[in-house]
Amino acid sequence: MKEVNARAVFEPTGSFQQTTIKRREVGPKDILIDIKYAGICHSDIHTANGDWGDIEYPLVPGHEIAGIVAEVGSEVTKHKVGDLVGVGCMFNSCGECKHCKQGLEQS
């Protein structure tokens, strides 16, 4: 497991604090992103506050990120180490519906 820096909330309505978290190893179809920027939106704040149900703290919110590929799995062909990448709020779409086939969805 890799230990990485993160910003987390430790209680409802708490402020973000520097911490470290453990990440699993990169799998064959994964990429590891050295995150440079993360968007914290209203859904992250609601989640951190526990507005939508019970939360296990500490919590590291932020599902919209941009960074640099630091490592790629053995089966990854689309990205290489050093690529600039971003992940929006929707990720891993089906790739098969009419919207995906028209290029109107993230993949």
N, C-alpha and C. Protein backbone atom coordinates (compact mmCIF):
# COMPACT_ATOMS: atom_id res chain seq x y z
N MET A 1 0.84 -1.19 0.00
CA MET A 1 0.00 0.00 0.00
C MET A 1 0.88 1.25 0.00
N LYS A 2 0.41 2.23 -0.71
CA LYS A 2 1.11 3.51 -0.77
C LYS A 2 0.49 4.48 0.23
N GLU A 3 1.32 5.26 0.88
CA GLU A 3 0.82 6.31 1.76
C GLU A 3 0.98 7.64 1.05
N VAL A 4 -0.12 8.39 0.96
CA VAL A 4 -0.12 9.66 0.22
C VAL A 4 -0.71 10.77 1.08
N ASN A 5 -0.36 12.00 0.74
CA ASN A 5 -0.93 13.17 1.42
C ASN A 5 -2.35 13.40 0.97
N ALA A 6 -3.18 13.88 1.87
CA ALA A 6 -4.58 14.17 1.55
C ALA A 6 -5.08 15.28 2.48
N ARG A 7 -6.23 15.81 2.13
CA ARG A 7 -6.96 16.74 2.99
C ARG A 7 -8.25 16.05 3.38
N ALA A 8 -8.54 16.00 4.66
CA ALA A 8 -9.71 15.27 5.14
C ALA A 8 -10.49 16.11 6.15
N VAL A 9 -11.76 15.75 6.29
CA VAL A 9 -12.57 16.27 7.40
C VAL A 9 -12.73 15.11 8.39
N PHE A 10 -12.71 15.44 9.66
CA PHE A 10 -12.72 14.42 10.70
C PHE A 10 -14.02 14.38 11.49
N GLU A 11 -14.92 15.32 11.20
CA GLU A 11 -16.22 15.37 11.87
C GLU A 11 -17.17 16.24 11.05
N PRO A 12 -18.48 16.10 11.26
CA PRO A 12 -19.43 16.94 10.51
C PRO A 12 -19.12 18.42 10.75
N THR A 13 -19.18 19.19 9.71
CA THR A 13 -18.91 20.63 9.69
C THR A 13 -17.48 20.97 10.11
N GLY A 14 -16.59 19.97 10.16
CA GLY A 14 -15.19 20.24 10.48
C GLY A 14 -14.47 20.85 9.29
N SER A 15 -13.34 21.48 9.56
CA SER A 15 -12.55 22.06 8.48
C SER A 15 -11.59 21.00 7.93
N PHE A 16 -11.10 21.23 6.73
CA PHE A 16 -10.15 20.32 6.11
C PHE A 16 -8.82 20.38 6.84
N GLN A 17 -8.22 19.22 7.03
CA GLN A 17 -6.92 19.14 7.69
C GLN A 17 -6.01 18.23 6.89
N GLN A 18 -4.71 18.55 6.92
CA GLN A 18 -3.70 17.72 6.27
C GLN A 18 -3.62 16.38 6.98
N THR A 19 -3.53 15.31 6.20
CA THR A 19 -3.39 13.97 6.76
C THR A 19 -2.70 13.09 5.73
N THR A 20 -2.49 11.84 6.05
CA THR A 20 -2.02 10.86 5.08
C THR A 20 -3.02 9.71 5.06
N ILE A 21 -3.16 9.11 3.89
CA ILE A 21 -4.05 7.96 3.74
C ILE A 21 -3.30 6.86 2.99
N LYS A 22 -3.76 5.64 3.15
CA LYS A 22 -3.17 4.52 2.43
C LYS A 22 -4.00 4.21 1.20
N ARG A 23 -3.33 4.03 0.07
CA ARG A 23 -3.98 3.68 -1.19
C ARG A 23 -3.53 2.30 -1.60
N ARG A 24 -4.43 1.54 -2.19
CA ARG A 24 -4.06 0.21 -2.66
C ARG A 24 -3.08 0.33 -3.83
N GLU A 25 -2.41 -0.75 -4.11
CA GLU A 25 -1.47 -0.77 -5.22
C GLU A 25 -2.21 -0.63 -6.55
N VAL A 26 -1.54 -0.13 -7.54
CA VAL A 26 -2.12 0.05 -8.87
C VAL A 26 -2.35 -1.32 -9.50
N GLY A 27 -3.59 -1.56 -9.95
CA GLY A 27 -3.93 -2.81 -10.62
C GLY A 27 -3.62 -2.75 -12.10
N PRO A 28 -3.81 -3.83 -12.83
CA PRO A 28 -3.45 -3.88 -14.25
C PRO A 28 -4.20 -2.89 -15.12
N LYS A 29 -5.42 -2.49 -14.74
CA LYS A 29 -6.20 -1.55 -15.55
C LYS A 29 -6.27 -0.16 -14.93
N ASP A 30 -5.48 0.10 -13.90
CA ASP A 30 -5.52 1.37 -13.16
C ASP A 30 -4.44 2.33 -13.61
N ILE A 31 -4.67 3.61 -13.32
CA ILE A 31 -3.60 4.59 -13.37
C ILE A 31 -3.56 5.28 -12.01
N LEU A 32 -2.37 5.65 -11.59
CA LEU A 32 -2.20 6.43 -10.37
C LEU A 32 -2.00 7.87 -10.79
N ILE A 33 -2.82 8.77 -10.25
CA ILE A 33 -2.73 10.18 -10.60
C ILE A 33 -2.14 10.94 -9.43
N ASP A 34 -1.09 11.69 -9.70
CA ASP A 34 -0.55 12.64 -8.72
C ASP A 34 -1.47 13.85 -8.80
N ILE A 35 -2.41 13.94 -7.87
CA ILE A 35 -3.45 14.98 -7.94
C ILE A 35 -2.86 16.34 -7.61
N LYS A 36 -3.04 17.27 -8.52
CA LYS A 36 -2.57 18.65 -8.33
C LYS A 36 -3.70 19.57 -7.90
N TYR A 37 -4.92 19.28 -8.37
CA TYR A 37 -6.09 20.10 -8.04
C TYR A 37 -7.31 19.21 -7.85
N ALA A 38 -8.14 19.56 -6.89
CA ALA A 38 -9.40 18.85 -6.67
C ALA A 38 -10.50 19.87 -6.44
N GLY A 39 -11.60 19.70 -7.15
CA GLY A 39 -12.75 20.58 -6.94
C GLY A 39 -13.57 20.06 -5.78
N ILE A 40 -13.92 20.93 -4.87
CA ILE A 40 -14.81 20.57 -3.77
C ILE A 40 -16.13 21.29 -4.05
N CYS A 41 -17.15 20.52 -4.39
CA CYS A 41 -18.43 21.12 -4.77
C CYS A 41 -19.47 20.89 -3.67
N HIS A 42 -20.69 21.33 -3.95
CA HIS A 42 -21.75 21.24 -2.95
C HIS A 42 -22.01 19.80 -2.50
N SER A 43 -21.90 18.85 -3.42
CA SER A 43 -22.16 17.46 -3.01
C SER A 43 -21.08 16.96 -2.06
N ASP A 44 -19.85 17.40 -2.24
CA ASP A 44 -18.78 17.02 -1.30
C ASP A 44 -19.05 17.61 0.08
N ILE A 45 -19.49 18.85 0.13
CA ILE A 45 -19.76 19.51 1.41
C ILE A 45 -20.95 18.83 2.10
N HIS A 46 -22.01 18.54 1.36
CA HIS A 46 -23.15 17.83 1.95
C HIS A 46 -22.73 16.46 2.50
N THR A 47 -21.90 15.76 1.73
CA THR A 47 -21.42 14.46 2.18
C THR A 47 -20.58 14.61 3.45
N ALA A 48 -19.64 15.55 3.43
CA ALA A 48 -18.77 15.77 4.60
C ALA A 48 -19.58 16.14 5.84
N ASN A 49 -20.65 16.88 5.65
CA ASN A 49 -21.48 17.28 6.78
C ASN A 49 -22.42 16.18 7.26
N GLY A 50 -22.48 15.08 6.51
CA GLY A 50 -23.38 13.99 6.88
C GLY A 50 -24.83 14.28 6.53
N ASP A 51 -25.06 15.23 5.63
CA ASP A 51 -26.43 15.62 5.27
C ASP A 51 -27.21 14.51 4.57
N TRP A 52 -26.51 13.60 3.92
CA TRP A 52 -27.18 12.57 3.13
C TRP A 52 -27.05 11.19 3.75
N GLY A 53 -26.72 11.11 5.00
CA GLY A 53 -26.60 9.82 5.67
C GLY A 53 -25.33 9.73 6.49
N ASP A 54 -25.20 8.61 7.15
CA ASP A 54 -24.04 8.40 8.01
C ASP A 54 -22.75 8.36 7.20
N ILE A 55 -21.71 8.95 7.77
CA ILE A 55 -20.40 9.03 7.13
C ILE A 55 -19.36 8.43 8.06
N GLU A 56 -18.42 7.72 7.48
CA GLU A 56 -17.29 7.22 8.25
C GLU A 56 -16.16 8.24 8.12
N TYR A 57 -15.73 8.79 9.22
CA TYR A 57 -14.66 9.78 9.23
C TYR A 57 -13.36 9.11 9.65
N PRO A 58 -12.21 9.59 9.18
CA PRO A 58 -12.05 10.78 8.35
C PRO A 58 -12.53 10.52 6.92
N LEU A 59 -12.92 11.61 6.25
CA LEU A 59 -13.43 11.56 4.89
C LEU A 59 -12.59 12.48 4.02
N VAL A 60 -12.17 11.96 2.86
CA VAL A 60 -11.42 12.75 1.89
C VAL A 60 -12.34 12.97 0.69
N PRO A 61 -13.07 14.10 0.67
CA PRO A 61 -13.96 14.35 -0.48
C PRO A 61 -13.20 14.94 -1.66
N GLY A 62 -13.90 15.07 -2.77
CA GLY A 62 -13.32 15.66 -3.97
C GLY A 62 -13.33 14.65 -5.09
N HIS A 63 -14.34 14.71 -5.94
CA HIS A 63 -14.46 13.74 -7.02
C HIS A 63 -14.21 14.35 -8.39
N GLU A 64 -13.72 15.57 -8.42
CA GLU A 64 -13.34 16.21 -9.67
C GLU A 64 -11.88 16.62 -9.52
N ILE A 65 -11.01 15.92 -10.26
CA ILE A 65 -9.58 16.11 -10.03
C ILE A 65 -8.82 16.34 -11.33
N ALA A 66 -7.64 16.92 -11.21
CA ALA A 66 -6.71 17.07 -12.32
C ALA A 66 -5.31 16.82 -11.79
N GLY A 67 -4.50 16.17 -12.59
CA GLY A 67 -3.15 15.87 -12.15
C GLY A 67 -2.32 15.25 -13.24
N ILE A 68 -1.27 14.56 -12.82
CA ILE A 68 -0.29 13.97 -13.72
C ILE A 68 -0.23 12.47 -13.45
N VAL A 69 -0.25 11.68 -14.51
CA VAL A 69 -0.15 10.22 -14.36
C VAL A 69 1.23 9.89 -13.79
N ALA A 70 1.22 9.20 -12.64
CA ALA A 70 2.45 8.83 -11.96
C ALA A 70 2.82 7.36 -12.18
N GLU A 71 1.81 6.54 -12.47
CA GLU A 71 2.05 5.11 -12.66
C GLU A 71 0.89 4.54 -13.47
N VAL A 72 1.18 3.56 -14.32
CA VAL A 72 0.13 2.89 -15.10
C VAL A 72 0.20 1.40 -14.89
N GLY A 73 -0.98 0.76 -14.92
CA GLY A 73 -1.05 -0.69 -14.82
C GLY A 73 -0.59 -1.35 -16.10
N SER A 74 -0.32 -2.63 -16.02
CA SER A 74 0.25 -3.39 -17.13
C SER A 74 -0.66 -3.46 -18.36
N GLU A 75 -1.98 -3.29 -18.20
CA GLU A 75 -2.92 -3.38 -19.32
C GLU A 75 -3.36 -2.00 -19.84
N VAL A 76 -2.84 -0.93 -19.29
CA VAL A 76 -3.24 0.42 -19.69
C VAL A 76 -2.54 0.78 -20.99
N THR A 77 -3.34 1.23 -21.97
CA THR A 77 -2.77 1.63 -23.26
C THR A 77 -3.07 3.08 -23.61
N LYS A 78 -4.08 3.68 -22.96
CA LYS A 78 -4.51 5.03 -23.32
C LYS A 78 -3.64 6.12 -22.69
N HIS A 79 -3.03 5.85 -21.54
CA HIS A 79 -2.25 6.87 -20.83
C HIS A 79 -0.86 6.35 -20.52
N LYS A 80 0.06 7.31 -20.36
CA LYS A 80 1.42 6.96 -19.97
C LYS A 80 1.87 7.90 -18.85
N VAL A 81 2.90 7.50 -18.13
CA VAL A 81 3.45 8.33 -17.06
C VAL A 81 3.80 9.70 -17.63
N GLY A 82 3.39 10.74 -16.92
CA GLY A 82 3.65 12.12 -17.34
C GLY A 82 2.49 12.79 -18.03
N ASP A 83 1.47 12.02 -18.46
CA ASP A 83 0.29 12.61 -19.10
C ASP A 83 -0.46 13.51 -18.12
N LEU A 84 -0.98 14.61 -18.61
CA LEU A 84 -1.90 15.44 -17.85
C LEU A 84 -3.29 14.86 -18.00
N VAL A 85 -3.99 14.64 -16.89
CA VAL A 85 -5.30 14.01 -16.93
C VAL A 85 -6.26 14.71 -15.99
N GLY A 86 -7.54 14.50 -16.24
CA GLY A 86 -8.59 15.01 -15.36
C GLY A 86 -9.70 14.00 -15.24
N VAL A 87 -10.36 13.99 -14.11
CA VAL A 87 -11.49 13.11 -13.88
C VAL A 87 -12.65 13.98 -13.44
N GLY A 88 -13.75 13.93 -14.19
CA GLY A 88 -14.94 14.71 -13.84
C GLY A 88 -15.79 13.98 -12.82
N CYS A 89 -16.94 14.55 -12.56
CA CYS A 89 -17.81 13.97 -11.54
C CYS A 89 -18.43 12.66 -11.99
N MET A 90 -18.47 12.41 -13.28
CA MET A 90 -18.98 11.13 -13.79
C MET A 90 -17.80 10.41 -14.42
N PHE A 91 -17.67 9.14 -14.11
CA PHE A 91 -16.53 8.39 -14.61
C PHE A 91 -16.94 6.96 -14.87
N ASN A 92 -16.31 6.36 -15.86
CA ASN A 92 -16.51 4.95 -16.19
C ASN A 92 -17.92 4.69 -16.71
N SER A 93 -18.32 5.46 -17.72
CA SER A 93 -19.62 5.25 -18.34
C SER A 93 -19.64 3.91 -19.07
N CYS A 94 -20.83 3.52 -19.52
CA CYS A 94 -21.00 2.18 -20.10
C CYS A 94 -20.24 2.00 -21.41
N GLY A 95 -20.12 3.07 -22.20
CA GLY A 95 -19.43 2.98 -23.47
C GLY A 95 -20.23 2.32 -24.58
N GLU A 96 -21.47 1.92 -24.28
CA GLU A 96 -22.25 1.17 -25.27
C GLU A 96 -23.59 1.79 -25.62
N CYS A 97 -24.12 2.68 -24.79
CA CYS A 97 -25.43 3.28 -25.10
C CYS A 97 -25.28 4.28 -26.25
N LYS A 98 -26.40 4.78 -26.77
CA LYS A 98 -26.33 5.69 -27.92
C LYS A 98 -25.58 6.97 -27.58
N HIS A 99 -25.68 7.46 -26.35
CA HIS A 99 -24.98 8.69 -25.97
C HIS A 99 -23.46 8.46 -25.96
N CYS A 100 -23.05 7.36 -25.37
CA CYS A 100 -21.62 7.04 -25.36
C CYS A 100 -21.08 6.86 -26.77
N LYS A 101 -21.83 6.16 -27.61
CA LYS A 101 -21.37 5.89 -28.96
C LYS A 101 -21.30 7.17 -29.81
N GLN A 102 -22.03 8.20 -29.41
CA GLN A 102 -21.97 9.48 -30.10
C GLN A 102 -20.92 10.40 -29.49
N GLY A 103 -20.18 9.89 -28.49
CA GLY A 103 -19.14 10.69 -27.86
C GLY A 103 -19.69 11.73 -26.88
N LEU A 104 -20.90 11.50 -26.38
CA LEU A 104 -21.55 12.48 -25.51
C LEU A 104 -21.45 12.11 -24.03
N GLU A 105 -20.62 11.18 -23.69
CA GLU A 105 -20.47 10.75 -22.30
C GLU A 105 -19.01 10.51 -22.01
N GLN A 106 -18.63 10.66 -20.76
CA GLN A 106 -17.24 10.39 -20.37
C GLN A 106 -17.00 8.90 -20.39
N SER A 107 -15.76 8.54 -20.61
CA SER A 107 -15.39 7.12 -20.55
C SER A 107 -14.12 6.94 -19.77
